Amino acid sequence: MGHIRIRSHYEAPIEHVFELALDVKRTPEWDVSFHEIKNIKGSPDHVGTTFDTVMKVLGRPIEGHMQVTEVERPRLVTMVGSAPGGGKLTWTTRYTPAGTGTDAEMEVDYELPAGFLGEMADKLFAERAIERDMRHSDENFKVLVEAKVPQLA
């Protein structure tokens, strides 16, 4: 199983960061892995909400299913996902106020489909590619979340 952790800082209030992060319809705007989000059932800021995804992993489209399993507004969200062939994903993001902005820590635990072959691919190149995509997505998110920071009165 792979594990990736990324830490970031956004010059935006925690509530604003949290709202954009949980607007799953907008995820394809900033996350380079998610190409489509569909069939949303519920509100993404509530435990039990589900949605379907089309991700691109190592250049291949993979359809999956996600479920929100933990929410502590505006500090924490955890989602778990599955894909055909045994792919699994747990994505946890923690938010902390930091001055006028927000610190974030994203942790992703994943298991590629195809058992032993997936494990070998992960060790050889997938983990680096997934981490690169996560960092690129985080840079995109930072630009988006900081572009329209609400002004305090």
N, C-alpha and C. Protein backbone atom coordinates (compact mmCIF):
# COMPACT_ATOMS: atom_id res chain seq x y z
N MET A 1 0.84 -1.18 0.00
CA MET A 1 0.00 0.00 0.00
C MET A 1 0.88 1.23 0.00
N GLY A 2 0.51 2.21 -0.82
CA GLY A 2 1.25 3.45 -0.88
C GLY A 2 0.73 4.48 0.10
N HIS A 3 1.61 5.40 0.47
CA HIS A 3 1.24 6.47 1.40
C HIS A 3 1.95 7.74 0.96
N ILE A 4 1.18 8.82 0.84
CA ILE A 4 1.75 10.11 0.47
C ILE A 4 1.19 11.16 1.41
N ARG A 5 2.06 12.07 1.86
CA ARG A 5 1.67 13.17 2.74
C ARG A 5 2.21 14.47 2.14
N ILE A 6 1.33 15.44 2.05
CA ILE A 6 1.71 16.75 1.53
C ILE A 6 1.20 17.82 2.49
N ARG A 7 2.05 18.78 2.78
CA ARG A 7 1.65 19.91 3.63
C ARG A 7 1.67 21.19 2.79
N SER A 8 0.70 22.07 3.05
CA SER A 8 0.58 23.31 2.29
C SER A 8 0.12 24.44 3.18
N HIS A 9 0.28 25.65 2.68
CA HIS A 9 -0.27 26.83 3.34
C HIS A 9 -1.01 27.64 2.28
N TYR A 10 -2.20 28.08 2.64
CA TYR A 10 -3.01 28.92 1.75
C TYR A 10 -3.28 30.23 2.45
N GLU A 11 -3.13 31.32 1.75
CA GLU A 11 -3.46 32.64 2.30
C GLU A 11 -4.94 32.89 2.08
N ALA A 12 -5.74 32.16 2.86
CA ALA A 12 -7.19 32.26 2.81
C ALA A 12 -7.73 31.71 4.13
N PRO A 13 -8.86 32.24 4.60
CA PRO A 13 -9.43 31.76 5.86
C PRO A 13 -9.84 30.28 5.77
N ILE A 14 -9.76 29.60 6.89
CA ILE A 14 -10.03 28.16 6.94
C ILE A 14 -11.41 27.81 6.38
N GLU A 15 -12.43 28.61 6.67
CA GLU A 15 -13.78 28.31 6.19
C GLU A 15 -13.83 28.35 4.67
N HIS A 16 -13.15 29.31 4.07
CA HIS A 16 -13.11 29.44 2.61
C HIS A 16 -12.39 28.24 1.99
N VAL A 17 -11.27 27.85 2.57
CA VAL A 17 -10.50 26.71 2.07
C VAL A 17 -11.35 25.44 2.16
N PHE A 18 -11.98 25.23 3.30
CA PHE A 18 -12.80 24.04 3.53
C PHE A 18 -13.95 23.98 2.53
N GLU A 19 -14.64 25.09 2.33
CA GLU A 19 -15.78 25.12 1.40
C GLU A 19 -15.37 24.74 -0.01
N LEU A 20 -14.27 25.30 -0.50
CA LEU A 20 -13.83 24.98 -1.85
C LEU A 20 -13.38 23.53 -1.95
N ALA A 21 -12.68 23.06 -0.94
CA ALA A 21 -12.20 21.67 -0.96
C ALA A 21 -13.36 20.69 -1.00
N LEU A 22 -14.46 21.01 -0.36
CA LEU A 22 -15.60 20.09 -0.33
C LEU A 22 -16.62 20.34 -1.44
N ASP A 23 -16.35 21.28 -2.31
CA ASP A 23 -17.21 21.48 -3.48
C ASP A 23 -16.75 20.49 -4.54
N VAL A 24 -17.15 19.21 -4.36
CA VAL A 24 -16.60 18.14 -5.19
C VAL A 24 -16.91 18.31 -6.67
N LYS A 25 -17.97 19.05 -7.01
CA LYS A 25 -18.27 19.31 -8.42
C LYS A 25 -17.13 20.09 -9.07
N ARG A 26 -16.41 20.89 -8.27
CA ARG A 26 -15.33 21.72 -8.80
C ARG A 26 -13.96 21.02 -8.76
N THR A 27 -13.90 19.84 -8.17
CA THR A 27 -12.61 19.15 -8.04
C THR A 27 -11.85 19.04 -9.37
N PRO A 28 -12.51 18.70 -10.49
CA PRO A 28 -11.76 18.61 -11.75
C PRO A 28 -11.12 19.93 -12.20
N GLU A 29 -11.56 21.07 -11.63
CA GLU A 29 -10.94 22.35 -11.97
C GLU A 29 -9.51 22.43 -11.48
N TRP A 30 -9.21 21.74 -10.37
CA TRP A 30 -7.87 21.89 -9.79
C TRP A 30 -7.12 20.58 -9.63
N ASP A 31 -7.81 19.46 -9.53
CA ASP A 31 -7.14 18.17 -9.31
C ASP A 31 -6.89 17.49 -10.65
N VAL A 32 -5.62 17.31 -11.00
CA VAL A 32 -5.26 16.77 -12.31
C VAL A 32 -5.60 15.30 -12.46
N SER A 33 -5.91 14.61 -11.37
CA SER A 33 -6.26 13.19 -11.45
C SER A 33 -7.75 12.96 -11.68
N PHE A 34 -8.58 13.86 -11.15
CA PHE A 34 -10.03 13.69 -11.26
C PHE A 34 -10.53 14.40 -12.51
N HIS A 35 -11.07 13.62 -13.45
CA HIS A 35 -11.57 14.20 -14.69
C HIS A 35 -13.07 14.41 -14.68
N GLU A 36 -13.76 13.68 -13.81
CA GLU A 36 -15.21 13.83 -13.74
C GLU A 36 -15.70 13.38 -12.37
N ILE A 37 -16.66 14.12 -11.85
CA ILE A 37 -17.36 13.76 -10.61
C ILE A 37 -18.84 13.71 -10.98
N LYS A 38 -19.51 12.62 -10.64
CA LYS A 38 -20.91 12.48 -11.03
C LYS A 38 -21.68 11.69 -9.97
N ASN A 39 -22.98 11.68 -10.11
CA ASN A 39 -23.87 10.90 -9.23
C ASN A 39 -23.67 11.23 -7.75
N ILE A 40 -23.57 12.51 -7.43
CA ILE A 40 -23.39 12.93 -6.04
C ILE A 40 -24.70 12.68 -5.29
N LYS A 41 -24.60 11.94 -4.21
CA LYS A 41 -25.77 11.64 -3.37
C LYS A 41 -25.48 12.17 -1.97
N GLY A 42 -26.09 13.31 -1.65
CA GLY A 42 -25.87 13.94 -0.36
C GLY A 42 -25.03 15.19 -0.51
N SER A 43 -24.68 15.76 0.62
CA SER A 43 -23.85 16.95 0.67
C SER A 43 -22.45 16.54 1.12
N PRO A 44 -21.42 16.89 0.36
CA PRO A 44 -20.07 16.43 0.67
C PRO A 44 -19.54 16.82 2.05
N ASP A 45 -20.24 17.71 2.75
CA ASP A 45 -19.79 18.04 4.10
C ASP A 45 -20.52 17.20 5.16
N HIS A 46 -21.13 16.10 4.72
CA HIS A 46 -21.82 15.18 5.63
C HIS A 46 -21.33 13.75 5.43
N VAL A 47 -21.12 13.07 6.54
CA VAL A 47 -20.72 11.66 6.50
C VAL A 47 -21.80 10.86 5.77
N GLY A 48 -21.37 9.93 4.94
CA GLY A 48 -22.28 9.07 4.19
C GLY A 48 -22.51 9.51 2.76
N THR A 49 -22.16 10.75 2.43
CA THR A 49 -22.31 11.23 1.06
C THR A 49 -21.45 10.37 0.13
N THR A 50 -21.98 10.05 -1.04
CA THR A 50 -21.24 9.26 -2.02
C THR A 50 -21.24 9.97 -3.37
N PHE A 51 -20.25 9.63 -4.18
CA PHE A 51 -20.20 10.12 -5.56
C PHE A 51 -19.28 9.21 -6.36
N ASP A 52 -19.47 9.26 -7.67
CA ASP A 52 -18.65 8.47 -8.58
C ASP A 52 -17.62 9.37 -9.22
N THR A 53 -16.48 8.78 -9.56
CA THR A 53 -15.38 9.54 -10.13
C THR A 53 -14.85 8.87 -11.39
N VAL A 54 -14.25 9.67 -12.23
CA VAL A 54 -13.42 9.16 -13.31
C VAL A 54 -12.07 9.81 -13.08
N MET A 55 -11.09 8.98 -12.73
CA MET A 55 -9.73 9.45 -12.48
C MET A 55 -8.83 9.00 -13.61
N LYS A 56 -7.74 9.68 -13.75
CA LYS A 56 -6.72 9.24 -14.69
C LYS A 56 -5.49 8.91 -13.85
N VAL A 57 -5.13 7.64 -13.83
CA VAL A 57 -3.97 7.18 -13.08
C VAL A 57 -3.01 6.53 -14.07
N LEU A 58 -1.80 7.05 -14.11
CA LEU A 58 -0.78 6.56 -15.04
C LEU A 58 -1.30 6.56 -16.48
N GLY A 59 -2.08 7.61 -16.80
CA GLY A 59 -2.58 7.77 -18.15
C GLY A 59 -3.81 6.95 -18.49
N ARG A 60 -4.32 6.18 -17.55
CA ARG A 60 -5.48 5.32 -17.82
C ARG A 60 -6.70 5.82 -17.04
N PRO A 61 -7.86 5.91 -17.70
CA PRO A 61 -9.06 6.29 -16.97
C PRO A 61 -9.51 5.15 -16.06
N ILE A 62 -9.84 5.49 -14.83
CA ILE A 62 -10.32 4.50 -13.87
C ILE A 62 -11.58 5.06 -13.22
N GLU A 63 -12.69 4.35 -13.35
CA GLU A 63 -13.92 4.77 -12.69
C GLU A 63 -13.89 4.27 -11.26
N GLY A 64 -14.39 5.08 -10.36
CA GLY A 64 -14.38 4.70 -8.97
C GLY A 64 -15.58 5.24 -8.23
N HIS A 65 -15.62 4.94 -6.97
CA HIS A 65 -16.72 5.35 -6.10
C HIS A 65 -16.11 5.88 -4.80
N MET A 66 -16.57 7.02 -4.34
CA MET A 66 -16.05 7.64 -3.12
C MET A 66 -17.18 7.80 -2.11
N GLN A 67 -16.79 7.77 -0.82
CA GLN A 67 -17.74 8.02 0.25
C GLN A 67 -17.06 8.87 1.32
N VAL A 68 -17.78 9.88 1.79
CA VAL A 68 -17.30 10.72 2.89
C VAL A 68 -17.50 9.92 4.17
N THR A 69 -16.41 9.72 4.92
CA THR A 69 -16.49 8.90 6.13
C THR A 69 -16.27 9.68 7.42
N GLU A 70 -15.74 10.90 7.31
CA GLU A 70 -15.48 11.69 8.51
C GLU A 70 -15.44 13.17 8.13
N VAL A 71 -16.14 13.98 8.91
CA VAL A 71 -16.14 15.43 8.70
C VAL A 71 -16.16 16.11 10.07
N GLU A 72 -15.24 17.04 10.26
CA GLU A 72 -15.24 17.93 11.41
C GLU A 72 -15.05 19.33 10.85
N ARG A 73 -16.16 19.99 10.58
CA ARG A 73 -16.15 21.30 9.93
C ARG A 73 -15.45 22.33 10.80
N PRO A 74 -14.56 23.14 10.33
CA PRO A 74 -13.89 23.18 9.03
C PRO A 74 -12.47 22.60 9.09
N ARG A 75 -12.25 21.60 9.93
CA ARG A 75 -10.89 21.15 10.20
C ARG A 75 -10.48 19.81 9.61
N LEU A 76 -11.44 18.96 9.24
CA LEU A 76 -11.06 17.61 8.83
C LEU A 76 -12.09 17.02 7.88
N VAL A 77 -11.61 16.31 6.89
CA VAL A 77 -12.49 15.51 6.04
C VAL A 77 -11.72 14.27 5.60
N THR A 78 -12.40 13.12 5.66
CA THR A 78 -11.84 11.87 5.18
C THR A 78 -12.81 11.25 4.20
N MET A 79 -12.27 10.79 3.08
CA MET A 79 -13.06 10.08 2.07
C MET A 79 -12.36 8.77 1.75
N VAL A 80 -13.15 7.74 1.51
CA VAL A 80 -12.60 6.47 1.07
C VAL A 80 -13.16 6.16 -0.31
N GLY A 81 -12.33 5.51 -1.11
CA GLY A 81 -12.74 5.20 -2.46
C GLY A 81 -12.37 3.80 -2.86
N SER A 82 -13.04 3.34 -3.88
CA SER A 82 -12.74 2.02 -4.44
C SER A 82 -12.83 2.10 -5.95
N ALA A 83 -12.11 1.18 -6.59
CA ALA A 83 -12.11 1.09 -8.05
C ALA A 83 -12.14 -0.38 -8.44
N PRO A 84 -12.60 -0.67 -9.64
CA PRO A 84 -12.62 -2.06 -10.10
C PRO A 84 -11.23 -2.68 -10.03
N GLY A 85 -11.18 -3.95 -9.75
CA GLY A 85 -9.90 -4.66 -9.70
C GLY A 85 -9.21 -4.56 -8.37
N GLY A 86 -9.85 -3.95 -7.38
CA GLY A 86 -9.27 -3.90 -6.04
C GLY A 86 -8.58 -2.61 -5.68
N GLY A 87 -8.68 -1.58 -6.49
CA GLY A 87 -8.08 -0.30 -6.12
C GLY A 87 -8.78 0.29 -4.92
N LYS A 88 -7.99 0.87 -3.99
CA LYS A 88 -8.54 1.48 -2.78
C LYS A 88 -7.83 2.80 -2.51
N LEU A 89 -8.55 3.70 -1.86
CA LEU A 89 -8.02 5.02 -1.57
C LEU A 89 -8.64 5.54 -0.28
N THR A 90 -7.82 6.07 0.60
CA THR A 90 -8.30 6.82 1.75
C THR A 90 -7.59 8.16 1.72
N TRP A 91 -8.38 9.24 1.68
CA TRP A 91 -7.83 10.59 1.54
C TRP A 91 -8.30 11.40 2.74
N THR A 92 -7.36 11.82 3.58
CA THR A 92 -7.68 12.62 4.75
C THR A 92 -6.98 13.97 4.63
N THR A 93 -7.74 15.04 4.85
CA THR A 93 -7.15 16.38 4.86
C THR A 93 -7.51 17.06 6.17
N ARG A 94 -6.48 17.60 6.81
CA ARG A 94 -6.64 18.34 8.06
C ARG A 94 -6.29 19.81 7.80
N TYR A 95 -7.14 20.69 8.30
CA TYR A 95 -6.95 22.14 8.14
C TYR A 95 -6.75 22.78 9.51
N THR A 96 -5.82 23.74 9.57
CA THR A 96 -5.52 24.44 10.81
C THR A 96 -5.38 25.93 10.50
N PRO A 97 -6.05 26.80 11.27
CA PRO A 97 -5.82 28.24 11.06
C PRO A 97 -4.35 28.57 11.32
N ALA A 98 -3.80 29.44 10.49
CA ALA A 98 -2.40 29.84 10.63
C ALA A 98 -2.28 31.31 10.25
N GLY A 99 -2.31 32.16 11.26
CA GLY A 99 -2.28 33.60 10.99
C GLY A 99 -3.54 33.99 10.23
N THR A 100 -3.36 34.66 9.10
CA THR A 100 -4.51 35.04 8.27
C THR A 100 -4.86 33.97 7.25
N GLY A 101 -4.15 32.85 7.29
CA GLY A 101 -4.36 31.79 6.32
C GLY A 101 -4.69 30.46 6.95
N THR A 102 -4.41 29.42 6.20
CA THR A 102 -4.74 28.06 6.61
C THR A 102 -3.61 27.12 6.24
N ASP A 103 -3.20 26.28 7.19
CA ASP A 103 -2.28 25.19 6.89
C ASP A 103 -3.11 23.95 6.60
N ALA A 104 -2.64 23.14 5.67
CA ALA A 104 -3.34 21.91 5.33
C ALA A 104 -2.34 20.76 5.27
N GLU A 105 -2.80 19.60 5.69
CA GLU A 105 -2.01 18.37 5.58
C GLU A 105 -2.91 17.33 4.92
N MET A 106 -2.48 16.87 3.75
CA MET A 106 -3.21 15.85 3.01
C MET A 106 -2.47 14.54 3.11
N GLU A 107 -3.18 13.50 3.50
CA GLU A 107 -2.60 12.16 3.55
C GLU A 107 -3.44 11.24 2.69
N VAL A 108 -2.77 10.52 1.82
CA VAL A 108 -3.45 9.57 0.94
C VAL A 108 -2.80 8.21 1.12
N ASP A 109 -3.63 7.25 1.45
CA ASP A 109 -3.23 5.84 1.47
C ASP A 109 -3.96 5.19 0.31
N TYR A 110 -3.24 4.42 -0.48
CA TYR A 110 -3.87 3.83 -1.66
C TYR A 110 -3.31 2.44 -1.94
N GLU A 111 -4.11 1.70 -2.66
CA GLU A 111 -3.70 0.38 -3.13
C GLU A 111 -4.14 0.30 -4.59
N LEU A 112 -3.17 0.10 -5.46
CA LEU A 112 -3.49 0.00 -6.88
C LEU A 112 -4.16 -1.33 -7.18
N PRO A 113 -5.01 -1.37 -8.22
CA PRO A 113 -5.60 -2.65 -8.62
C PRO A 113 -4.53 -3.61 -9.12
N ALA A 114 -4.87 -4.83 -9.28
CA ALA A 114 -4.03 -5.88 -9.89
C ALA A 114 -3.07 -6.54 -8.91
N GLY A 115 -3.34 -6.42 -7.60
CA GLY A 115 -2.58 -7.18 -6.62
C GLY A 115 -1.08 -6.98 -6.71
N PHE A 116 -0.34 -8.08 -6.87
CA PHE A 116 1.12 -8.05 -6.89
C PHE A 116 1.65 -7.16 -8.00
N LEU A 117 1.05 -7.21 -9.19
CA LEU A 117 1.51 -6.37 -10.29
C LEU A 117 1.32 -4.89 -9.95
N GLY A 118 0.21 -4.57 -9.29
CA GLY A 118 -0.02 -3.19 -8.86
C GLY A 118 1.02 -2.75 -7.85
N GLU A 119 1.39 -3.65 -6.92
CA GLU A 119 2.41 -3.32 -5.93
C GLU A 119 3.76 -3.06 -6.60
N MET A 120 4.10 -3.88 -7.58
CA MET A 120 5.37 -3.69 -8.30
C MET A 120 5.37 -2.37 -9.06
N ALA A 121 4.26 -2.07 -9.73
CA ALA A 121 4.17 -0.81 -10.47
C ALA A 121 4.29 0.38 -9.52
N ASP A 122 3.68 0.24 -8.34
CA ASP A 122 3.74 1.32 -7.35
C ASP A 122 5.18 1.58 -6.94
N LYS A 123 5.90 0.53 -6.61
CA LYS A 123 7.30 0.68 -6.17
C LYS A 123 8.18 1.23 -7.28
N LEU A 124 7.93 0.81 -8.52
CA LEU A 124 8.79 1.22 -9.62
C LEU A 124 8.57 2.67 -10.06
N PHE A 125 7.30 3.08 -10.16
CA PHE A 125 7.08 4.43 -10.68
C PHE A 125 5.76 5.08 -10.26
N ALA A 126 4.78 4.33 -9.86
CA ALA A 126 3.46 4.91 -9.61
C ALA A 126 3.47 5.88 -8.44
N GLU A 127 4.13 5.54 -7.35
CA GLU A 127 4.11 6.42 -6.18
C GLU A 127 4.66 7.80 -6.52
N ARG A 128 5.76 7.86 -7.26
CA ARG A 128 6.33 9.15 -7.66
C ARG A 128 5.36 9.92 -8.56
N ALA A 129 4.72 9.21 -9.48
CA ALA A 129 3.78 9.88 -10.38
C ALA A 129 2.55 10.39 -9.63
N ILE A 130 2.05 9.60 -8.69
CA ILE A 130 0.88 10.02 -7.91
C ILE A 130 1.24 11.21 -7.03
N GLU A 131 2.41 11.18 -6.40
CA GLU A 131 2.84 12.31 -5.58
C GLU A 131 3.02 13.57 -6.43
N ARG A 132 3.60 13.43 -7.61
CA ARG A 132 3.77 14.57 -8.51
C ARG A 132 2.40 15.17 -8.86
N ASP A 133 1.43 14.31 -9.19
CA ASP A 133 0.09 14.79 -9.53
C ASP A 133 -0.57 15.47 -8.32
N MET A 134 -0.37 14.93 -7.13
CA MET A 134 -0.94 15.55 -5.93
C MET A 134 -0.34 16.94 -5.71
N ARG A 135 0.98 17.06 -5.88
CA ARG A 135 1.62 18.37 -5.69
C ARG A 135 1.14 19.38 -6.75
N HIS A 136 1.01 18.92 -7.98
CA HIS A 136 0.51 19.79 -9.05
C HIS A 136 -0.92 20.22 -8.74
N SER A 137 -1.74 19.27 -8.29
CA SER A 137 -3.13 19.59 -7.93
C SER A 137 -3.17 20.59 -6.78
N ASP A 138 -2.29 20.42 -5.81
CA ASP A 138 -2.25 21.33 -4.67
C ASP A 138 -1.87 22.74 -5.13
N GLU A 139 -0.94 22.85 -6.06
CA GLU A 139 -0.58 24.17 -6.59
C GLU A 139 -1.79 24.81 -7.28
N ASN A 140 -2.53 23.99 -8.05
CA ASN A 140 -3.74 24.50 -8.71
C ASN A 140 -4.78 24.96 -7.68
N PHE A 141 -4.96 24.15 -6.63
CA PHE A 141 -5.92 24.50 -5.57
C PHE A 141 -5.53 25.81 -4.90
N LYS A 142 -4.25 25.96 -4.62
CA LYS A 142 -3.75 27.17 -3.97
C LYS A 142 -4.09 28.41 -4.80
N VAL A 143 -3.85 28.35 -6.09
CA VAL A 143 -4.17 29.47 -6.98
C VAL A 143 -5.67 29.76 -6.94
N LEU A 144 -6.47 28.73 -7.03
CA LEU A 144 -7.92 28.89 -7.05
C LEU A 144 -8.45 29.45 -5.73
N VAL A 145 -8.00 28.88 -4.61
CA VAL A 145 -8.53 29.29 -3.30
C VAL A 145 -8.05 30.70 -2.91
N GLU A 146 -6.86 31.08 -3.36
CA GLU A 146 -6.35 32.41 -3.02
C GLU A 146 -6.84 33.48 -3.98
N ALA A 147 -7.38 33.09 -5.14
CA ALA A 147 -7.82 34.07 -6.14
C ALA A 147 -9.06 34.83 -5.70
N LYS A 148 -9.92 34.20 -4.95
CA LYS A 148 -11.17 34.83 -4.53
C LYS A 148 -11.34 34.72 -3.04
N VAL A 149 -10.40 35.26 -2.31
CA VAL A 149 -10.48 35.24 -0.85
C VAL A 149 -11.52 36.24 -0.40
N PRO A 150 -12.47 35.81 0.42
CA PRO A 150 -13.48 36.76 0.92
C PRO A 150 -12.80 37.85 1.77
N GLN A 151 -13.26 39.07 1.56
CA GLN A 151 -12.72 40.19 2.31
C GLN A 151 -13.51 40.35 3.61
N LEU A 152 -12.79 40.46 4.71
CA LEU A 152 -13.45 40.66 6.00
C LEU A 152 -13.86 42.12 6.14
N ALA A 153 -15.04 42.33 6.66
CA ALA A 153 -15.55 43.70 6.81
C ALA A 153 -14.96 44.39 8.01
